[in-house]
Amino acid sequence: MVGSVLVGIGLGAFWQYGQPQRQVHVHTERLLQAVEGREWERVESLFAETYADAWGFDKQTALSYGQQVFGQFLRLRIRPQELQVQISSEDRGRATVWFVIEGSGGPLANLTRDQVNALQQPFQFDWQRSAGNPYRWQLIRIENPDLEIPEINHVHKGLVMVADAKILLSPADHLDFEAKSSIKHDYIDGEVFALEGTTDTHNLIVGNCFILLRTQLRRS
């Protein structure tokens, strides 16, 4: 008798967890947590291949832009507030949420933080359930009419190139940022530019220069 009751309770909880409203709520929280933790593979798994938004991003460019922005944070915390869910059908749902970004970092990170925290309208995350799986939902669109994102110039080698307003760092701020960043940057007239990875040719030139300098120093 007790076993039957426990099974019934377990099945009821399992059924409740699989309900669309609960799943949209859970997936929205997972997405924000993954962005906060810079877990980009996890973020990518939550985006639908058909993702598209009013800023002109598809899945690839949205992920690339997100990595550039949130990758610049030295410290990042995303605090969701007033998360509400509306279900339009069994396989479609929308999460409406305000959130506050805490932290600081590179110029694009600081600009994004200030813009998001000053918004007068919440974000809307549109989710779609994968066919045949009530526990797998994917993001198909993000909206916020108040958020202005810098114009996209083009995509180069998977990176989104943006034409944002100049945001200048002092030499001291740049050195602090560079010491904690996982990638290297050029610092030109107060602006910070991410450096691309090295090539075999680049490494060969550097190696040859090192050998020449070492040879000359030994002779001196």
N, C-alpha and C. Protein backbone atom coordinates (compact mmCIF):
# COMPACT_ATOMS: atom_id res chain seq x y z
N MET A 1 0.84 -1.20 0.00
CA MET A 1 0.00 0.00 0.00
C MET A 1 0.88 1.26 0.00
N VAL A 2 1.85 1.27 0.94
CA VAL A 2 2.75 2.42 1.02
C VAL A 2 3.54 2.57 -0.27
N GLY A 3 3.97 1.42 -0.83
CA GLY A 3 4.72 1.47 -2.07
C GLY A 3 3.91 2.05 -3.21
N SER A 4 2.63 1.70 -3.28
CA SER A 4 1.76 2.22 -4.33
C SER A 4 1.57 3.72 -4.20
N VAL A 5 1.45 4.18 -2.95
CA VAL A 5 1.30 5.62 -2.72
C VAL A 5 2.55 6.37 -3.16
N LEU A 6 3.72 5.83 -2.82
CA LEU A 6 4.98 6.48 -3.20
C LEU A 6 5.15 6.51 -4.71
N VAL A 7 4.79 5.41 -5.37
CA VAL A 7 4.86 5.38 -6.84
C VAL A 7 3.93 6.42 -7.43
N GLY A 8 2.72 6.52 -6.86
CA GLY A 8 1.76 7.51 -7.35
C GLY A 8 2.27 8.93 -7.19
N ILE A 9 2.88 9.22 -6.04
CA ILE A 9 3.44 10.55 -5.80
C ILE A 9 4.58 10.84 -6.79
N GLY A 10 5.42 9.82 -7.01
CA GLY A 10 6.54 9.99 -7.92
C GLY A 10 6.09 10.26 -9.35
N LEU A 11 5.08 9.49 -9.78
CA LEU A 11 4.56 9.68 -11.14
C LEU A 11 3.91 11.06 -11.29
N GLY A 12 3.23 11.50 -10.22
CA GLY A 12 2.59 12.81 -10.27
C GLY A 12 3.62 13.93 -10.38
N ALA A 13 4.70 13.81 -9.62
CA ALA A 13 5.76 14.82 -9.67
C ALA A 13 6.45 14.81 -11.04
N PHE A 14 6.67 13.62 -11.59
CA PHE A 14 7.29 13.49 -12.91
C PHE A 14 6.41 14.13 -13.98
N TRP A 15 5.10 13.91 -13.88
CA TRP A 15 4.17 14.48 -14.85
C TRP A 15 4.16 16.00 -14.72
N GLN A 16 4.14 16.50 -13.48
CA GLN A 16 4.12 17.95 -13.26
C GLN A 16 5.38 18.61 -13.81
N TYR A 17 6.53 17.96 -13.63
CA TYR A 17 7.79 18.53 -14.11
C TYR A 17 7.82 18.64 -15.63
N GLY A 18 7.11 17.73 -16.30
CA GLY A 18 7.11 17.73 -17.76
C GLY A 18 6.11 18.69 -18.38
N GLN A 19 5.33 19.39 -17.57
CA GLN A 19 4.34 20.32 -18.11
C GLN A 19 5.03 21.50 -18.80
N PRO A 20 4.47 21.99 -19.91
CA PRO A 20 5.11 23.06 -20.69
C PRO A 20 5.48 24.29 -19.86
N GLN A 21 4.60 24.74 -18.99
CA GLN A 21 4.90 25.94 -18.21
C GLN A 21 6.14 25.73 -17.34
N ARG A 22 6.23 24.58 -16.72
CA ARG A 22 7.38 24.28 -15.87
C ARG A 22 8.65 24.18 -16.71
N GLN A 23 8.57 23.55 -17.88
CA GLN A 23 9.75 23.35 -18.72
C GLN A 23 10.28 24.68 -19.27
N VAL A 24 9.39 25.57 -19.69
CA VAL A 24 9.83 26.88 -20.19
C VAL A 24 10.52 27.66 -19.07
N HIS A 25 9.97 27.59 -17.88
CA HIS A 25 10.56 28.27 -16.72
C HIS A 25 11.96 27.70 -16.44
N VAL A 26 12.07 26.38 -16.41
CA VAL A 26 13.35 25.72 -16.12
C VAL A 26 14.39 26.02 -17.20
N HIS A 27 13.99 25.95 -18.45
CA HIS A 27 14.94 26.17 -19.54
C HIS A 27 15.43 27.62 -19.57
N THR A 28 14.58 28.57 -19.24
CA THR A 28 15.01 29.97 -19.19
C THR A 28 16.05 30.17 -18.10
N GLU A 29 15.82 29.58 -16.95
CA GLU A 29 16.79 29.67 -15.86
C GLU A 29 18.11 29.00 -16.25
N ARG A 30 18.01 27.85 -16.92
CA ARG A 30 19.23 27.15 -17.36
C ARG A 30 20.04 28.00 -18.33
N LEU A 31 19.35 28.67 -19.24
CA LEU A 31 20.05 29.50 -20.22
C LEU A 31 20.80 30.63 -19.53
N LEU A 32 20.14 31.34 -18.62
CA LEU A 32 20.79 32.46 -17.93
C LEU A 32 21.96 31.97 -17.09
N GLN A 33 21.80 30.81 -16.46
CA GLN A 33 22.90 30.25 -15.66
C GLN A 33 24.07 29.85 -16.54
N ALA A 34 23.79 29.30 -17.72
CA ALA A 34 24.86 28.89 -18.64
C ALA A 34 25.61 30.11 -19.17
N VAL A 35 24.89 31.19 -19.48
CA VAL A 35 25.55 32.42 -19.94
C VAL A 35 26.41 32.99 -18.81
N GLU A 36 25.87 33.02 -17.61
CA GLU A 36 26.62 33.53 -16.46
C GLU A 36 27.91 32.74 -16.25
N GLY A 37 27.84 31.43 -16.42
CA GLY A 37 29.01 30.59 -16.24
C GLY A 37 29.90 30.47 -17.46
N ARG A 38 29.52 31.18 -18.55
CA ARG A 38 30.25 31.11 -19.83
C ARG A 38 30.39 29.66 -20.30
N GLU A 39 29.31 28.87 -20.11
CA GLU A 39 29.29 27.48 -20.57
C GLU A 39 28.69 27.46 -21.98
N TRP A 40 29.52 27.74 -22.97
CA TRP A 40 29.00 28.02 -24.31
C TRP A 40 28.45 26.78 -25.01
N GLU A 41 28.99 25.62 -24.73
CA GLU A 41 28.42 24.41 -25.33
C GLU A 41 27.01 24.17 -24.80
N ARG A 42 26.82 24.43 -23.53
CA ARG A 42 25.49 24.29 -22.93
C ARG A 42 24.53 25.34 -23.50
N VAL A 43 25.02 26.57 -23.68
CA VAL A 43 24.20 27.62 -24.28
C VAL A 43 23.78 27.22 -25.69
N GLU A 44 24.76 26.73 -26.46
CA GLU A 44 24.47 26.34 -27.84
C GLU A 44 23.40 25.24 -27.91
N SER A 45 23.43 24.31 -26.97
CA SER A 45 22.46 23.21 -26.99
C SER A 45 21.03 23.69 -26.74
N LEU A 46 20.89 24.87 -26.15
CA LEU A 46 19.57 25.40 -25.85
C LEU A 46 19.00 26.25 -26.99
N PHE A 47 19.83 26.56 -27.99
CA PHE A 47 19.38 27.35 -29.13
C PHE A 47 18.90 26.43 -30.25
N ALA A 48 17.75 26.76 -30.83
CA ALA A 48 17.25 26.02 -31.99
C ALA A 48 18.03 26.43 -33.24
N GLU A 49 18.15 25.52 -34.18
CA GLU A 49 18.82 25.84 -35.43
C GLU A 49 18.08 26.94 -36.18
N THR A 50 16.78 27.09 -35.93
CA THR A 50 15.96 28.08 -36.62
C THR A 50 15.91 29.42 -35.89
N TYR A 51 16.76 29.59 -34.86
CA TYR A 51 16.72 30.84 -34.08
C TYR A 51 16.90 32.05 -34.98
N ALA A 52 16.08 33.10 -34.74
CA ALA A 52 16.19 34.37 -35.46
C ALA A 52 15.54 35.45 -34.61
N ASP A 53 16.12 36.66 -34.63
CA ASP A 53 15.54 37.73 -33.82
C ASP A 53 15.52 39.05 -34.58
N ALA A 54 14.97 40.07 -33.95
CA ALA A 54 14.79 41.37 -34.59
C ALA A 54 16.10 42.14 -34.74
N TRP A 55 17.16 41.72 -34.06
CA TRP A 55 18.47 42.36 -34.19
C TRP A 55 19.24 41.83 -35.39
N GLY A 56 18.68 40.85 -36.08
CA GLY A 56 19.34 40.30 -37.25
C GLY A 56 20.24 39.11 -36.97
N PHE A 57 20.19 38.57 -35.76
CA PHE A 57 21.01 37.42 -35.41
C PHE A 57 20.32 36.11 -35.80
N ASP A 58 21.11 35.16 -36.29
CA ASP A 58 20.68 33.77 -36.36
C ASP A 58 21.42 33.03 -35.24
N LYS A 59 21.34 31.72 -35.21
CA LYS A 59 21.97 30.98 -34.12
C LYS A 59 23.46 31.25 -34.05
N GLN A 60 24.16 31.14 -35.19
CA GLN A 60 25.61 31.29 -35.20
C GLN A 60 26.04 32.67 -34.73
N THR A 61 25.43 33.71 -35.29
CA THR A 61 25.86 35.07 -34.95
C THR A 61 25.44 35.46 -33.53
N ALA A 62 24.31 34.95 -33.06
CA ALA A 62 23.88 35.24 -31.68
C ALA A 62 24.88 34.64 -30.69
N LEU A 63 25.29 33.41 -30.93
CA LEU A 63 26.25 32.76 -30.05
C LEU A 63 27.61 33.46 -30.09
N SER A 64 28.03 33.84 -31.28
CA SER A 64 29.32 34.52 -31.43
C SER A 64 29.31 35.87 -30.71
N TYR A 65 28.24 36.61 -30.89
CA TYR A 65 28.12 37.92 -30.24
C TYR A 65 28.07 37.75 -28.73
N GLY A 66 27.30 36.77 -28.26
CA GLY A 66 27.20 36.54 -26.83
C GLY A 66 28.54 36.19 -26.22
N GLN A 67 29.33 35.37 -26.91
CA GLN A 67 30.64 35.00 -26.40
C GLN A 67 31.58 36.20 -26.33
N GLN A 68 31.48 37.09 -27.32
CA GLN A 68 32.34 38.27 -27.30
C GLN A 68 31.96 39.21 -26.17
N VAL A 69 30.66 39.41 -25.97
CA VAL A 69 30.20 40.34 -24.93
C VAL A 69 30.48 39.77 -23.54
N PHE A 70 29.95 38.59 -23.26
CA PHE A 70 30.04 38.05 -21.91
C PHE A 70 31.43 37.49 -21.61
N GLY A 71 32.18 37.19 -22.66
CA GLY A 71 33.56 36.76 -22.46
C GLY A 71 34.46 37.88 -21.98
N GLN A 72 34.02 39.14 -22.14
CA GLN A 72 34.82 40.27 -21.69
C GLN A 72 34.66 40.55 -20.20
N PHE A 73 33.66 39.94 -19.56
CA PHE A 73 33.45 40.18 -18.13
C PHE A 73 34.53 39.48 -17.32
N LEU A 74 35.12 40.22 -16.39
CA LEU A 74 36.06 39.62 -15.45
C LEU A 74 35.29 38.95 -14.32
N ARG A 75 34.18 39.53 -13.97
CA ARG A 75 33.27 38.98 -12.96
C ARG A 75 31.86 39.19 -13.48
N LEU A 76 31.03 38.16 -13.42
CA LEU A 76 29.69 38.25 -14.00
C LEU A 76 28.67 37.53 -13.14
N ARG A 77 27.57 38.22 -12.89
CA ARG A 77 26.44 37.60 -12.25
C ARG A 77 25.18 38.11 -12.93
N ILE A 78 24.26 37.21 -13.26
CA ILE A 78 22.98 37.57 -13.88
C ILE A 78 21.88 37.19 -12.90
N ARG A 79 21.14 38.19 -12.45
CA ARG A 79 20.08 37.96 -11.45
C ARG A 79 18.70 38.12 -12.10
N PRO A 80 18.03 37.01 -12.43
CA PRO A 80 16.69 37.11 -13.01
C PRO A 80 15.67 37.58 -11.98
N GLN A 81 14.68 38.34 -12.44
CA GLN A 81 13.63 38.86 -11.57
C GLN A 81 12.29 38.75 -12.28
N GLU A 82 11.27 38.39 -11.53
CA GLU A 82 9.89 38.38 -12.04
C GLU A 82 9.75 37.53 -13.31
N LEU A 83 10.22 36.31 -13.25
CA LEU A 83 10.11 35.42 -14.40
C LEU A 83 8.68 34.87 -14.49
N GLN A 84 8.03 35.15 -15.61
CA GLN A 84 6.66 34.70 -15.84
C GLN A 84 6.59 33.92 -17.15
N VAL A 85 5.70 32.95 -17.21
CA VAL A 85 5.60 32.08 -18.38
C VAL A 85 4.18 32.09 -18.93
N GLN A 86 4.09 32.17 -20.25
CA GLN A 86 2.81 32.04 -20.96
C GLN A 86 2.95 30.92 -21.99
N ILE A 87 1.98 30.02 -22.02
CA ILE A 87 1.99 28.91 -22.96
C ILE A 87 0.93 29.16 -24.03
N SER A 88 1.37 29.21 -25.29
CA SER A 88 0.44 29.46 -26.39
C SER A 88 -0.09 28.16 -26.99
N SER A 89 0.67 27.08 -26.85
CA SER A 89 0.23 25.77 -27.33
C SER A 89 1.05 24.72 -26.60
N GLU A 90 0.82 23.46 -26.90
CA GLU A 90 1.55 22.40 -26.22
C GLU A 90 3.05 22.41 -26.51
N ASP A 91 3.44 23.04 -27.64
CA ASP A 91 4.85 23.03 -27.99
C ASP A 91 5.45 24.43 -28.14
N ARG A 92 4.74 25.45 -27.69
CA ARG A 92 5.26 26.82 -27.74
C ARG A 92 5.02 27.53 -26.42
N GLY A 93 6.03 28.28 -25.97
CA GLY A 93 5.88 29.03 -24.73
C GLY A 93 6.78 30.24 -24.73
N ARG A 94 6.40 31.25 -23.93
CA ARG A 94 7.19 32.48 -23.82
C ARG A 94 7.47 32.79 -22.36
N ALA A 95 8.74 33.05 -22.07
CA ALA A 95 9.15 33.49 -20.73
C ALA A 95 9.43 34.98 -20.77
N THR A 96 8.82 35.72 -19.88
CA THR A 96 9.05 37.15 -19.75
C THR A 96 9.83 37.39 -18.46
N VAL A 97 10.97 38.05 -18.57
CA VAL A 97 11.83 38.17 -17.39
C VAL A 97 12.65 39.45 -17.43
N TRP A 98 12.74 40.10 -16.28
CA TRP A 98 13.73 41.15 -16.08
C TRP A 98 14.97 40.48 -15.49
N PHE A 99 16.14 41.02 -15.79
CA PHE A 99 17.31 40.56 -15.06
C PHE A 99 18.33 41.68 -14.95
N VAL A 100 19.12 41.59 -13.90
CA VAL A 100 20.15 42.59 -13.62
C VAL A 100 21.51 41.94 -13.84
N ILE A 101 22.37 42.65 -14.57
CA ILE A 101 23.74 42.17 -14.80
C ILE A 101 24.67 42.87 -13.82
N GLU A 102 25.43 42.08 -13.09
CA GLU A 102 26.42 42.61 -12.17
C GLU A 102 27.80 42.17 -12.63
N GLY A 103 28.76 43.08 -12.55
CA GLY A 103 30.12 42.76 -12.95
C GLY A 103 30.70 43.85 -13.82
N SER A 104 31.94 43.64 -14.25
CA SER A 104 32.63 44.60 -15.10
C SER A 104 33.68 43.87 -15.90
N GLY A 105 34.18 44.57 -16.93
CA GLY A 105 35.18 43.95 -17.78
C GLY A 105 35.58 44.87 -18.91
N GLY A 106 35.59 44.32 -20.13
CA GLY A 106 35.97 45.10 -21.29
C GLY A 106 34.90 46.10 -21.69
N PRO A 107 35.19 46.94 -22.68
CA PRO A 107 34.26 48.01 -23.06
C PRO A 107 32.90 47.52 -23.52
N LEU A 108 32.86 46.45 -24.32
CA LEU A 108 31.58 45.95 -24.80
C LEU A 108 30.77 45.34 -23.66
N ALA A 109 31.46 44.72 -22.72
CA ALA A 109 30.78 44.15 -21.55
C ALA A 109 30.15 45.26 -20.71
N ASN A 110 30.90 46.31 -20.45
CA ASN A 110 30.38 47.40 -19.62
C ASN A 110 29.23 48.12 -20.31
N LEU A 111 29.33 48.29 -21.62
CA LEU A 111 28.23 48.92 -22.36
C LEU A 111 26.97 48.08 -22.27
N THR A 112 27.10 46.78 -22.46
CA THR A 112 25.94 45.88 -22.40
C THR A 112 25.32 45.90 -21.01
N ARG A 113 26.15 45.83 -19.97
CA ARG A 113 25.64 45.87 -18.59
C ARG A 113 24.81 47.12 -18.35
N ASP A 114 25.36 48.27 -18.74
CA ASP A 114 24.66 49.53 -18.50
C ASP A 114 23.35 49.61 -19.29
N GLN A 115 23.36 49.12 -20.52
CA GLN A 115 22.16 49.14 -21.35
C GLN A 115 21.08 48.24 -20.77
N VAL A 116 21.44 47.01 -20.44
CA VAL A 116 20.46 46.04 -19.94
C VAL A 116 19.86 46.51 -18.61
N ASN A 117 20.68 47.02 -17.73
CA ASN A 117 20.20 47.43 -16.41
C ASN A 117 19.32 48.68 -16.47
N ALA A 118 19.37 49.40 -17.58
CA ALA A 118 18.55 50.61 -17.72
C ALA A 118 17.27 50.37 -18.53
N LEU A 119 17.05 49.15 -18.97
CA LEU A 119 15.89 48.87 -19.81
C LEU A 119 14.58 49.10 -19.06
N GLN A 120 13.59 49.58 -19.80
CA GLN A 120 12.26 49.83 -19.23
C GLN A 120 11.29 48.69 -19.50
N GLN A 121 11.69 47.74 -20.33
CA GLN A 121 10.84 46.60 -20.64
C GLN A 121 11.61 45.30 -20.40
N PRO A 122 10.90 44.22 -20.04
CA PRO A 122 11.57 42.94 -19.80
C PRO A 122 11.94 42.24 -21.10
N PHE A 123 12.79 41.23 -20.99
CA PHE A 123 13.12 40.37 -22.13
C PHE A 123 12.02 39.33 -22.31
N GLN A 124 11.86 38.90 -23.55
CA GLN A 124 10.93 37.81 -23.86
C GLN A 124 11.71 36.71 -24.56
N PHE A 125 11.65 35.51 -24.01
CA PHE A 125 12.32 34.35 -24.57
C PHE A 125 11.26 33.40 -25.11
N ASP A 126 11.28 33.16 -26.41
CA ASP A 126 10.32 32.25 -27.03
C ASP A 126 10.95 30.87 -27.19
N TRP A 127 10.24 29.86 -26.69
CA TRP A 127 10.74 28.48 -26.69
C TRP A 127 9.82 27.57 -27.49
N GLN A 128 10.42 26.55 -28.07
CA GLN A 128 9.67 25.54 -28.81
C GLN A 128 10.11 24.15 -28.35
N ARG A 129 9.14 23.29 -28.11
CA ARG A 129 9.44 21.94 -27.66
C ARG A 129 9.87 21.07 -28.83
N SER A 130 10.91 20.27 -28.59
CA SER A 130 11.35 19.34 -29.62
C SER A 130 10.31 18.24 -29.79
N ALA A 131 10.13 17.80 -31.01
CA ALA A 131 9.11 16.80 -31.31
C ALA A 131 9.36 15.51 -30.54
N GLY A 132 8.35 15.04 -29.84
CA GLY A 132 8.43 13.76 -29.16
C GLY A 132 9.17 13.76 -27.84
N ASN A 133 9.62 14.92 -27.37
CA ASN A 133 10.36 14.97 -26.11
C ASN A 133 9.84 16.13 -25.26
N PRO A 134 9.01 15.85 -24.27
CA PRO A 134 8.43 16.93 -23.45
C PRO A 134 9.44 17.64 -22.56
N TYR A 135 10.66 17.09 -22.44
CA TYR A 135 11.66 17.68 -21.56
C TYR A 135 12.76 18.41 -22.31
N ARG A 136 12.62 18.54 -23.61
CA ARG A 136 13.63 19.24 -24.41
C ARG A 136 12.98 20.41 -25.15
N TRP A 137 13.31 21.60 -24.73
CA TRP A 137 12.82 22.82 -25.35
C TRP A 137 14.01 23.62 -25.85
N GLN A 138 13.82 24.32 -26.97
CA GLN A 138 14.91 25.11 -27.54
C GLN A 138 14.44 26.53 -27.83
N LEU A 139 15.38 27.44 -27.70
CA LEU A 139 15.09 28.86 -27.86
C LEU A 139 15.01 29.21 -29.35
N ILE A 140 13.92 29.88 -29.73
CA ILE A 140 13.75 30.26 -31.13
C ILE A 140 13.80 31.77 -31.35
N ARG A 141 13.72 32.55 -30.24
CA ARG A 141 13.74 34.01 -30.40
C ARG A 141 13.90 34.70 -29.04
N ILE A 142 14.65 35.82 -29.04
CA ILE A 142 14.71 36.72 -27.89
C ILE A 142 14.28 38.10 -28.36
N GLU A 143 13.49 38.77 -27.54
CA GLU A 143 13.00 40.10 -27.91
C GLU A 143 13.16 41.07 -26.75
N ASN A 144 13.47 42.29 -27.09
CA ASN A 144 13.36 43.43 -26.18
C ASN A 144 13.45 44.68 -27.04
N PRO A 145 12.32 45.35 -27.30
CA PRO A 145 12.33 46.49 -28.21
C PRO A 145 13.14 47.68 -27.72
N ASP A 146 13.44 47.72 -26.43
CA ASP A 146 14.22 48.84 -25.88
C ASP A 146 15.72 48.66 -26.03
N LEU A 147 16.16 47.43 -26.28
CA LEU A 147 17.60 47.16 -26.33
C LEU A 147 18.15 47.44 -27.72
N GLU A 148 19.13 48.33 -27.77
CA GLU A 148 19.81 48.63 -29.03
C GLU A 148 21.15 47.92 -29.03
N ILE A 149 21.36 47.09 -30.03
CA ILE A 149 22.62 46.35 -30.16
C ILE A 149 23.43 47.00 -31.27
N PRO A 150 24.75 47.19 -31.04
CA PRO A 150 25.60 47.79 -32.08
C PRO A 150 25.43 47.12 -33.43
N GLU A 151 25.48 47.91 -34.47
CA GLU A 151 25.30 47.41 -35.84
C GLU A 151 26.33 46.34 -36.18
N ILE A 152 25.85 45.27 -36.81
CA ILE A 152 26.74 44.20 -37.25
C ILE A 152 27.32 44.57 -38.61
N ASN A 153 28.63 44.62 -38.70
CA ASN A 153 29.26 44.88 -39.99
C ASN A 153 29.30 43.63 -40.86
N HIS A 154 29.87 42.56 -40.32
CA HIS A 154 29.97 41.31 -41.06
C HIS A 154 30.43 40.22 -40.10
N VAL A 155 30.46 39.01 -40.61
CA VAL A 155 30.95 37.88 -39.82
C VAL A 155 32.25 37.41 -40.46
N HIS A 156 33.29 37.30 -39.65
CA HIS A 156 34.61 36.90 -40.15
C HIS A 156 35.12 35.74 -39.31
N LYS A 157 35.30 34.58 -39.96
CA LYS A 157 35.81 33.40 -39.26
C LYS A 157 34.99 33.08 -38.02
N GLY A 158 33.66 33.23 -38.15
CA GLY A 158 32.78 32.88 -37.04
C GLY A 158 32.63 33.97 -36.01
N LEU A 159 33.34 35.10 -36.17
CA LEU A 159 33.23 36.18 -35.21
C LEU A 159 32.38 37.30 -35.78
N VAL A 160 31.51 37.85 -34.94
CA VAL A 160 30.67 38.97 -35.37
C VAL A 160 31.46 40.25 -35.21
N MET A 161 31.57 41.02 -36.28
CA MET A 161 32.25 42.30 -36.21
C MET A 161 31.20 43.39 -36.03
N VAL A 162 31.33 44.17 -34.96
CA VAL A 162 30.31 45.19 -34.67
C VAL A 162 30.92 46.57 -34.76
N ALA A 163 30.06 47.51 -35.13
CA ALA A 163 30.47 48.91 -35.23
C ALA A 163 29.88 49.67 -34.05
N ASP A 164 30.40 49.40 -32.87
CA ASP A 164 29.87 50.08 -31.69
C ASP A 164 30.62 51.39 -31.46
N ALA A 165 30.00 52.24 -30.64
CA ALA A 165 30.63 53.51 -30.32
C ALA A 165 31.94 53.25 -29.58
N LYS A 166 32.89 54.17 -29.76
CA LYS A 166 34.18 53.98 -29.11
C LYS A 166 34.03 54.07 -27.59
N ILE A 167 34.55 53.07 -26.90
CA ILE A 167 34.56 53.05 -25.45
C ILE A 167 36.01 52.89 -25.04
N LEU A 168 36.57 53.90 -24.40
CA LEU A 168 38.00 53.94 -24.15
C LEU A 168 38.35 53.44 -22.75
N LEU A 169 39.47 52.73 -22.68
CA LEU A 169 40.02 52.28 -21.40
C LEU A 169 41.31 53.03 -21.11
N SER A 170 41.56 53.28 -19.85
CA SER A 170 42.85 53.85 -19.46
C SER A 170 43.91 52.75 -19.54
N PRO A 171 45.19 53.12 -19.66
CA PRO A 171 46.24 52.08 -19.68
C PRO A 171 46.18 51.16 -18.47
N ALA A 172 45.89 51.71 -17.30
CA ALA A 172 45.83 50.89 -16.09
C ALA A 172 44.67 49.90 -16.15
N ASP A 173 43.51 50.37 -16.63
CA ASP A 173 42.35 49.48 -16.76
C ASP A 173 42.63 48.39 -17.78
N HIS A 174 43.32 48.76 -18.88
CA HIS A 174 43.64 47.75 -19.89
C HIS A 174 44.56 46.67 -19.33
N LEU A 175 45.58 47.07 -18.59
CA LEU A 175 46.52 46.09 -18.03
C LEU A 175 45.82 45.16 -17.05
N ASP A 176 44.89 45.70 -16.26
CA ASP A 176 44.14 44.87 -15.32
C ASP A 176 43.24 43.89 -16.07
N PHE A 177 42.59 44.39 -17.12
CA PHE A 177 41.71 43.55 -17.94
C PHE A 177 42.51 42.46 -18.65
N GLU A 178 43.66 42.83 -19.19
CA GLU A 178 44.47 41.87 -19.96
C GLU A 178 45.03 40.76 -19.06
N ALA A 179 45.38 41.12 -17.82
CA ALA A 179 45.94 40.14 -16.90
C ALA A 179 44.95 39.05 -16.54
N LYS A 180 43.64 39.37 -16.61
CA LYS A 180 42.62 38.42 -16.20
C LYS A 180 41.89 37.79 -17.38
N SER A 181 42.17 38.29 -18.59
CA SER A 181 41.47 37.79 -19.77
C SER A 181 42.09 36.49 -20.25
N SER A 182 41.24 35.63 -20.83
CA SER A 182 41.73 34.36 -21.35
C SER A 182 42.32 34.48 -22.75
N ILE A 183 42.10 35.64 -23.40
CA ILE A 183 42.68 35.88 -24.72
C ILE A 183 43.44 37.19 -24.70
N LYS A 184 44.31 37.40 -25.68
CA LYS A 184 45.12 38.61 -25.75
C LYS A 184 44.45 39.67 -26.61
N HIS A 185 44.78 40.93 -26.31
CA HIS A 185 44.18 42.05 -27.03
C HIS A 185 45.24 43.07 -27.42
N ASP A 186 45.00 43.77 -28.53
CA ASP A 186 45.78 44.96 -28.87
C ASP A 186 45.15 46.16 -28.17
N TYR A 187 45.98 47.10 -27.76
CA TYR A 187 45.50 48.33 -27.11
C TYR A 187 45.97 49.50 -27.94
N ILE A 188 45.03 50.17 -28.62
CA ILE A 188 45.37 51.25 -29.54
C ILE A 188 44.52 52.47 -29.22
N ASP A 189 45.16 53.54 -28.77
CA ASP A 189 44.47 54.80 -28.47
C ASP A 189 43.26 54.60 -27.55
N GLY A 190 43.42 53.73 -26.56
CA GLY A 190 42.36 53.53 -25.60
C GLY A 190 41.35 52.46 -25.96
N GLU A 191 41.41 51.96 -27.20
CA GLU A 191 40.48 50.92 -27.63
C GLU A 191 41.14 49.55 -27.51
N VAL A 192 40.30 48.53 -27.27
CA VAL A 192 40.77 47.16 -27.10
C VAL A 192 40.28 46.31 -28.25
N PHE A 193 41.18 45.56 -28.88
CA PHE A 193 40.84 44.71 -30.02
C PHE A 193 41.33 43.30 -29.75
N ALA A 194 40.40 42.33 -29.82
CA ALA A 194 40.78 40.93 -29.59
C ALA A 194 41.68 40.45 -30.71
N LEU A 195 42.72 39.70 -30.34
CA LEU A 195 43.65 39.13 -31.32
C LEU A 195 43.18 37.75 -31.74
N GLU A 196 43.31 37.44 -33.03
CA GLU A 196 42.99 36.11 -33.51
C GLU A 196 44.09 35.13 -33.10
N GLY A 197 43.77 33.86 -33.16
CA GLY A 197 44.75 32.82 -32.86
C GLY A 197 45.90 32.84 -33.85
N THR A 198 47.04 32.32 -33.45
CA THR A 198 48.21 32.32 -34.32
C THR A 198 48.09 31.26 -35.40
N THR A 199 48.85 31.46 -36.48
CA THR A 199 48.91 30.49 -37.58
C THR A 199 50.27 29.80 -37.57
N ASP A 200 50.43 28.75 -38.36
CA ASP A 200 51.71 28.05 -38.47
C ASP A 200 52.79 29.00 -38.99
N THR A 201 52.41 29.85 -39.96
CA THR A 201 53.37 30.81 -40.52
C THR A 201 53.83 31.78 -39.44
N HIS A 202 52.89 32.27 -38.67
CA HIS A 202 53.22 33.20 -37.58
C HIS A 202 54.19 32.55 -36.59
N ASN A 203 53.89 31.31 -36.19
CA ASN A 203 54.75 30.62 -35.24
C ASN A 203 56.15 30.37 -35.82
N LEU A 204 56.22 30.08 -37.13
CA LEU A 204 57.51 29.86 -37.77
C LEU A 204 58.35 31.13 -37.77
N ILE A 205 57.72 32.26 -38.07
CA ILE A 205 58.43 33.54 -38.08
C ILE A 205 58.95 33.88 -36.69
N VAL A 206 58.08 33.71 -35.69
CA VAL A 206 58.49 33.99 -34.31
C VAL A 206 59.66 33.09 -33.90
N GLY A 207 59.57 31.81 -34.25
CA GLY A 207 60.64 30.88 -33.91
C GLY A 207 61.96 31.26 -34.55
N ASN A 208 61.91 31.65 -35.84
CA ASN A 208 63.13 32.06 -36.55
C ASN A 208 63.74 33.32 -35.93
N CYS A 209 62.88 34.27 -35.56
CA CYS A 209 63.37 35.50 -34.93
C CYS A 209 64.04 35.19 -33.60
N PHE A 210 63.47 34.27 -32.86
CA PHE A 210 64.04 33.90 -31.57
C PHE A 210 65.42 33.28 -31.76
N ILE A 211 65.55 32.40 -32.76
CA ILE A 211 66.84 31.74 -33.03
C ILE A 211 67.89 32.77 -33.44
N LEU A 212 67.51 33.73 -34.30
CA LEU A 212 68.45 34.75 -34.75
C LEU A 212 68.91 35.62 -33.58
N LEU A 213 67.97 36.04 -32.73
CA LEU A 213 68.33 36.86 -31.58
C LEU A 213 69.22 36.11 -30.62
N ARG A 214 68.92 34.84 -30.40
CA ARG A 214 69.73 34.04 -29.48
C ARG A 214 71.14 33.88 -30.00
N THR A 215 71.26 33.66 -31.33
CA THR A 215 72.58 33.51 -31.95
C THR A 215 73.41 34.78 -31.81
N GLN A 216 72.76 35.93 -32.05
CA GLN A 216 73.45 37.21 -31.97
C GLN A 216 73.88 37.52 -30.53
N LEU A 217 73.02 37.19 -29.57
CA LEU A 217 73.36 37.45 -28.17
C LEU A 217 74.53 36.61 -27.71
N ARG A 218 74.62 35.37 -28.19
CA ARG A 218 75.74 34.50 -27.82
C ARG A 218 77.05 35.02 -28.37
N ARG A 219 76.98 35.70 -29.53
CA ARG A 219 78.21 36.21 -30.15
C ARG A 219 78.68 37.49 -29.47
N SER A 220 77.77 38.18 -28.83
CA SER A 220 78.12 39.48 -28.25
C SER A 220 78.83 39.33 -26.90
